[in-house]
Amino acid sequence: QLNPVSHSIFIFHDESGIYGHGDWVLTGLLWINENQIQELSTELKLLRLKEGCEGKIHFKKFQKSFKGDYGYKPRVARDWFNLWVRKWSKKTWFNAVAVNRTHPVYDHRRYAQPFHSYNRFVAIALKSGLSWFFKGYSKLSLSIYSDGKSRRPDGLIPDGITSDNFEEYIFNRLYRDAESYHGPKIHLNNSVQCILSPHKGCYNHYQEILQLTDLLLGSISEAIAPKSSKETKIWFAKNIARMMKDIRLPPWEQEYGLHRKFSISYFPNDSNKFYNNGPIGVLKQDDFIQSKLP
């Protein structure tokens, strides 16, 4: 639906990797209409119920196999992934920014603290999503929910220099960026909300969708730079890799039909710019099998 006067969008944010060390670090954003949150969360919960799963779905901690008594979390995640591909990838938006910290032109000196780079690339991902996904919209009302990391300790007064001012930085940066790019006018309903999901329990709508965000972003991270030999993680990496490759085709040639619905940006190239045709390392594996849509 193009050109609404106002539209309420909720954004769920997660991160994969650590800016203080390592090679690739990814920021991921899942965008969804406010009036669809309960429907998506309910469908995720029903798939949990099928497996009797009450624990947190966390890509990093997946077991090796989908089979057996200990494979129930990867099985739930596989059901979630297939649900997203089949239905929600077309009703929501997802974009990720993949930063290669080992690239020769990546300027480590620019970021005195790891949270400086973290915050900057979250803001870039938000701006990129707004300009690419919502170009035809006149005004958006936004609510942002971020996976609460321990690196943002409660009670610490953030100064943005030695301590993290993530929520304030994103709030101010979004308004500033919205004045200088060709996208919708925005209104932030409140400050960025950083929320935690317990290891076990009844998850609210936001916690459930944040776990889906973690699943999608972890799959993309593994697809770009495969590290795991686990059957489960390889399955997710290969399946999302097909989608990552598909969105590089002209819209009329795409199998999934996710033009302006799914986007991956890489940084930096040799010219210190963002680019779209970055590595998909899992596709280089000889055992990759092109399968049909789930």
Protein backbone atom coordinates (compact mmCIF):
# COMPACT_ATOMS: atom_id res chain seq x y z
CA GLN A 1 0.00 0.00 0.00
CA LEU A 2 1.68 3.17 -1.22
CA ASN A 3 1.38 6.75 -0.08
CA PRO A 4 -0.53 6.38 3.18
CA VAL A 5 -0.87 9.57 5.18
CA SER A 6 0.56 7.81 8.22
CA HIS A 7 1.62 4.24 8.90
CA SER A 8 2.69 2.63 12.17
CA ILE A 9 5.75 0.40 11.75
CA PHE A 10 7.51 -1.56 14.48
CA ILE A 11 11.21 -2.34 13.98
CA PHE A 12 12.97 -5.24 15.67
CA HIS A 13 16.77 -5.03 15.83
CA ASP A 14 19.47 -7.57 16.56
CA GLU A 15 23.22 -7.92 16.09
CA SER A 16 25.52 -10.81 15.13
CA GLY A 17 29.20 -10.60 15.94
CA ILE A 18 31.25 -8.22 18.08
CA TYR A 19 32.85 -4.99 16.89
CA GLY A 20 35.66 -5.31 19.41
CA HIS A 21 37.08 -8.34 17.59
CA GLY A 22 36.29 -10.83 14.84
CA ASP A 23 35.76 -10.45 11.13
CA TRP A 24 32.13 -9.96 10.05
CA VAL A 25 29.61 -8.08 12.20
CA LEU A 26 25.98 -7.82 11.12
CA THR A 27 23.05 -5.58 12.02
CA GLY A 28 19.57 -6.87 11.20
CA LEU A 29 16.19 -5.14 11.20
CA LEU A 30 12.77 -6.75 10.87
CA TRP A 31 10.07 -4.19 9.99
CA ILE A 32 6.39 -5.02 10.51
CA ASN A 33 3.05 -3.22 10.52
CA GLU A 34 1.85 -2.68 14.08
CA ASN A 35 -1.49 -4.32 13.34
CA GLN A 36 0.25 -7.56 12.26
CA ILE A 37 2.42 -8.09 15.36
CA GLN A 38 -0.09 -10.19 17.27
CA GLU A 39 -0.79 -12.40 14.25
CA LEU A 40 2.88 -13.14 13.62
CA SER A 41 3.64 -13.74 17.30
CA THR A 42 0.66 -16.07 17.65
CA GLU A 43 1.77 -18.14 14.68
CA LEU A 44 5.28 -18.41 16.12
CA LYS A 45 3.85 -19.52 19.47
CA LEU A 46 1.69 -22.19 17.82
CA LEU A 47 4.77 -23.68 16.16
CA ARG A 48 6.45 -23.71 19.57
CA LEU A 49 3.46 -25.52 21.02
CA LYS A 50 3.74 -28.26 18.41
CA GLU A 51 7.18 -29.17 19.80
CA GLY A 52 6.41 -28.30 23.43
CA CYS A 53 9.24 -25.77 23.33
CA GLU A 54 9.38 -23.16 26.11
CA GLY A 55 13.01 -22.13 25.77
CA LYS A 56 14.68 -19.27 23.92
CA ILE A 57 15.29 -19.80 20.21
CA HIS A 58 18.89 -18.62 19.82
CA PHE A 59 20.74 -19.36 16.58
CA LYS A 60 24.17 -19.35 18.19
CA LYS A 61 23.25 -22.21 20.54
CA PHE A 62 21.50 -24.58 18.11
CA GLN A 63 22.15 -28.28 18.53
CA LYS A 64 23.84 -30.28 15.76
CA SER A 65 20.80 -32.15 14.48
CA PHE A 66 17.11 -31.59 13.89
CA LYS A 67 16.44 -35.15 15.06
CA GLY A 68 15.97 -36.67 18.49
CA ASP A 69 14.93 -35.33 21.86
CA TYR A 70 17.46 -32.50 21.75
CA GLY A 71 16.65 -31.22 18.28
CA TYR A 72 13.36 -29.57 19.19
CA LYS A 73 14.67 -25.98 19.17
CA PRO A 74 16.19 -26.24 15.67
CA ARG A 75 12.95 -27.91 14.54
CA VAL A 76 10.90 -25.00 15.87
CA ALA A 77 13.33 -22.59 14.20
CA ARG A 78 13.02 -24.48 10.91
CA ASP A 79 9.23 -24.17 11.12
CA TRP A 80 9.61 -20.47 11.87
CA PHE A 81 11.96 -20.00 8.93
CA ASN A 82 9.61 -21.78 6.52
CA LEU A 83 6.69 -19.73 7.82
CA TRP A 84 8.66 -16.56 7.20
CA VAL A 85 9.64 -17.61 3.67
CA ARG A 86 6.15 -18.76 2.75
CA LYS A 87 4.18 -15.86 4.25
CA TRP A 88 5.87 -13.22 6.34
CA SER A 89 8.78 -12.36 4.05
CA LYS A 90 6.14 -10.82 1.76
CA LYS A 91 4.18 -9.09 4.54
CA THR A 92 7.17 -7.63 6.40
CA TRP A 93 10.56 -6.16 5.47
CA PHE A 94 14.03 -7.32 6.49
CA ASN A 95 17.38 -5.65 5.87
CA ALA A 96 20.87 -6.32 7.13
CA VAL A 97 24.20 -4.52 7.03
CA ALA A 98 27.29 -6.76 7.01
CA VAL A 99 30.54 -5.07 8.05
CA ASN A 100 33.88 -6.68 7.26
CA ARG A 101 36.25 -5.53 10.00
CA THR A 102 39.19 -7.32 8.33
CA HIS A 103 38.97 -5.39 5.06
CA PRO A 104 42.13 -3.27 4.53
CA VAL A 105 40.17 -0.02 4.16
CA TYR A 106 38.04 -0.48 7.28
CA ASP A 107 39.18 2.35 9.57
CA HIS A 108 39.41 0.96 13.10
CA ARG A 109 40.85 4.28 14.34
CA ARG A 110 37.56 6.01 13.60
CA TYR A 111 35.85 4.20 16.49
CA ALA A 112 37.36 4.85 19.90
CA GLN A 113 34.90 2.44 21.53
CA PRO A 114 33.22 -0.67 20.07
CA PHE A 115 29.79 0.84 20.75
CA HIS A 116 30.64 3.76 18.45
CA SER A 117 30.74 1.45 15.43
CA TYR A 118 27.78 -0.57 16.75
CA ASN A 119 25.58 2.51 17.05
CA ARG A 120 26.69 4.02 13.76
CA PHE A 121 25.86 0.94 11.68
CA VAL A 122 22.50 0.48 13.40
CA ALA A 123 21.66 4.05 12.38
CA ILE A 124 22.85 3.35 8.83
CA ALA A 125 20.73 0.21 8.62
CA LEU A 126 17.68 2.17 9.78
CA LYS A 127 18.26 4.93 7.25
CA SER A 128 18.86 2.40 4.48
CA GLY A 129 15.65 0.53 5.28
CA LEU A 130 13.58 3.71 5.40
CA SER A 131 14.83 4.95 2.04
CA TRP A 132 14.63 1.58 0.26
CA PHE A 133 11.50 -0.03 1.68
CA PHE A 134 9.35 3.05 2.28
CA LYS A 135 10.27 5.41 -0.53
CA GLY A 136 6.63 5.80 -1.60
CA TYR A 137 5.34 6.59 1.90
CA SER A 138 4.73 10.16 3.02
CA LYS A 139 4.87 9.63 6.80
CA LEU A 140 5.79 6.81 9.18
CA SER A 141 5.24 6.36 12.87
CA LEU A 142 8.07 4.18 14.22
CA SER A 143 8.65 2.09 17.33
CA ILE A 144 12.04 0.40 17.73
CA TYR A 145 12.74 -2.67 19.87
CA SER A 146 16.32 -3.84 20.24
CA ASP A 147 17.66 -7.04 21.74
CA GLY A 148 18.98 -5.91 25.12
CA LYS A 149 22.71 -6.57 25.30
CA SER A 150 24.67 -6.72 28.52
CA ARG A 151 27.02 -4.12 27.07
CA ARG A 152 24.35 -1.52 27.90
CA PRO A 153 24.36 -1.72 31.71
CA ASP A 154 21.35 -0.31 33.53
CA GLY A 155 21.90 2.77 35.61
CA LEU A 156 24.98 4.00 33.75
CA ILE A 157 24.58 7.60 32.59
CA PRO A 158 25.57 7.50 28.90
CA ASP A 159 27.86 10.22 27.60
CA GLY A 160 28.45 8.80 24.12
CA ILE A 161 32.21 8.98 24.59
CA THR A 162 33.24 6.45 27.22
CA SER A 163 29.82 4.94 27.92
CA ASP A 164 27.12 3.84 25.52
CA ASN A 165 24.38 6.29 24.52
CA PHE A 166 22.69 3.87 22.10
CA GLU A 167 19.06 4.82 22.72
CA GLU A 168 19.71 8.59 22.65
CA TYR A 169 22.05 8.32 19.65
CA ILE A 170 19.57 6.36 17.52
CA PHE A 171 16.67 8.64 18.47
CA ASN A 172 18.55 11.82 17.53
CA ARG A 173 20.29 10.37 14.49
CA LEU A 174 17.04 9.14 12.95
CA TYR A 175 15.46 12.58 13.09
CA ARG A 176 18.58 14.18 11.70
CA ASP A 177 18.90 11.67 8.86
CA ALA A 178 15.21 11.95 7.99
CA GLU A 179 15.77 15.59 7.09
CA SER A 180 18.49 14.83 4.54
CA TYR A 181 17.30 11.81 2.55
CA HIS A 182 14.48 11.15 0.12
CA GLY A 183 12.17 9.12 2.30
CA PRO A 184 9.11 9.51 4.50
CA LYS A 185 8.80 11.94 7.35
CA ILE A 186 9.04 10.03 10.60
CA HIS A 187 7.71 10.22 14.11
CA LEU A 188 9.25 8.09 16.86
CA ASN A 189 6.61 6.95 19.33
CA ASN A 190 9.16 6.67 22.12
CA SER A 191 12.83 6.10 22.74
CA VAL A 192 14.46 2.88 21.56
CA GLN A 193 13.34 0.03 23.80
CA CYS A 194 16.06 -2.49 24.71
CA ILE A 195 14.42 -5.67 25.96
CA LEU A 196 15.73 -9.00 27.19
CA SER A 197 14.27 -12.44 26.53
CA PRO A 198 14.68 -14.93 29.40
CA HIS A 199 16.09 -18.37 28.66
CA LYS A 200 12.71 -19.90 29.44
CA GLY A 201 9.23 -18.60 29.94
CA CYS A 202 6.15 -17.14 28.33
CA TYR A 203 7.44 -14.65 25.78
CA ASN A 204 5.48 -11.54 24.87
CA HIS A 205 4.91 -10.52 21.26
CA TYR A 206 8.05 -8.38 21.07
CA GLN A 207 10.33 -11.00 22.62
CA GLU A 208 9.02 -13.64 20.22
CA ILE A 209 9.61 -11.50 17.13
CA LEU A 210 13.08 -10.54 18.37
CA GLN A 211 13.92 -14.26 18.46
CA LEU A 212 12.74 -14.58 14.85
CA THR A 213 14.99 -11.62 14.01
CA ASP A 214 17.92 -13.41 15.67
CA LEU A 215 17.18 -16.52 13.60
CA LEU A 216 17.14 -14.65 10.29
CA LEU A 217 20.25 -12.63 11.09
CA GLY A 218 22.18 -15.66 12.36
CA SER A 219 21.29 -17.50 9.15
CA ILE A 220 22.58 -14.60 7.05
CA SER A 221 25.78 -14.36 9.07
CA GLU A 222 26.45 -18.08 8.62
CA ALA A 223 25.68 -17.79 4.90
CA ILE A 224 28.18 -14.97 4.42
CA ALA A 225 31.03 -16.50 6.42
CA PRO A 226 30.33 -20.16 7.30
CA LYS A 227 31.98 -21.30 10.51
CA SER A 228 29.83 -24.17 11.71
CA SER A 229 29.81 -27.85 10.76
CA LYS A 230 26.41 -28.35 12.41
CA GLU A 231 23.74 -29.77 10.12
CA THR A 232 21.19 -27.32 11.56
CA LYS A 233 23.14 -24.13 10.98
CA ILE A 234 24.20 -25.24 7.51
CA TRP A 235 20.53 -25.81 6.60
CA PHE A 236 19.55 -22.26 7.58
CA ALA A 237 22.61 -20.73 5.91
CA LYS A 238 22.02 -22.50 2.60
CA ASN A 239 18.32 -21.75 2.49
CA ILE A 240 18.70 -18.05 3.19
CA ALA A 241 21.67 -17.93 0.79
CA ARG A 242 19.28 -18.81 -2.03
CA MET A 243 17.23 -15.75 -1.12
CA MET A 244 20.31 -13.54 -0.85
CA LYS A 245 21.37 -14.61 -4.33
CA ASP A 246 17.85 -14.24 -5.69
CA ILE A 247 17.49 -10.56 -4.70
CA ARG A 248 20.53 -9.72 -6.84
CA LEU A 249 18.55 -10.58 -9.97
CA PRO A 250 16.27 -8.10 -11.76
CA PRO A 251 12.88 -8.03 -10.01
CA TRP A 252 11.13 -9.79 -12.91
CA GLU A 253 13.57 -12.73 -12.70
CA GLN A 254 13.36 -13.28 -8.94
CA GLU A 255 11.93 -16.56 -7.68
CA TYR A 256 10.94 -15.23 -4.25
CA GLY A 257 9.51 -11.87 -5.33
CA LEU A 258 11.17 -9.94 -2.50
CA HIS A 259 12.24 -6.78 -4.34
CA ARG A 260 12.13 -3.96 -1.75
CA LYS A 261 11.20 -6.52 0.89
CA PHE A 262 14.57 -8.16 1.66
CA SER A 263 17.95 -6.46 1.40
CA ILE A 264 21.59 -7.15 2.34
CA SER A 265 24.26 -4.44 2.19
CA TYR A 266 27.98 -4.98 2.69
CA PHE A 267 30.70 -2.60 3.88
CA PRO A 268 33.35 -1.69 2.87
CA ASN A 269 34.46 -2.33 -0.70
CA ASP A 270 37.86 -1.23 -1.99
CA SER A 271 36.49 2.31 -2.37
CA ASN A 272 35.27 2.36 1.26
CA LYS A 273 31.64 2.32 0.10
CA PHE A 274 28.61 0.10 0.65
CA TYR A 275 27.90 -2.57 -1.96
CA ASN A 276 25.32 -5.29 -2.61
CA ASN A 277 27.20 -8.17 -4.27
CA GLY A 278 29.28 -9.27 -1.32
CA PRO A 279 30.35 -12.81 -0.44
CA ILE A 280 27.93 -15.67 0.18
CA GLY A 281 30.50 -18.13 1.42
CA VAL A 282 28.14 -21.06 1.91
CA LEU A 283 27.39 -21.14 -1.83
CA LYS A 284 31.01 -22.08 -2.47
CA GLN A 285 30.58 -25.37 -0.66
CA ASP A 286 30.46 -28.32 -3.04
CA ASP A 287 27.53 -29.97 -1.27
CA PHE A 288 25.13 -27.05 -1.81
CA ILE A 289 21.92 -28.37 -3.33
CA GLN A 290 19.41 -26.09 -5.05
CA SER A 291 16.03 -27.18 -3.70
CA LYS A 292 12.50 -26.00 -4.21
CA LEU A 293 10.72 -23.43 -2.08
CA PRO A 294 9.71 -24.80 1.35
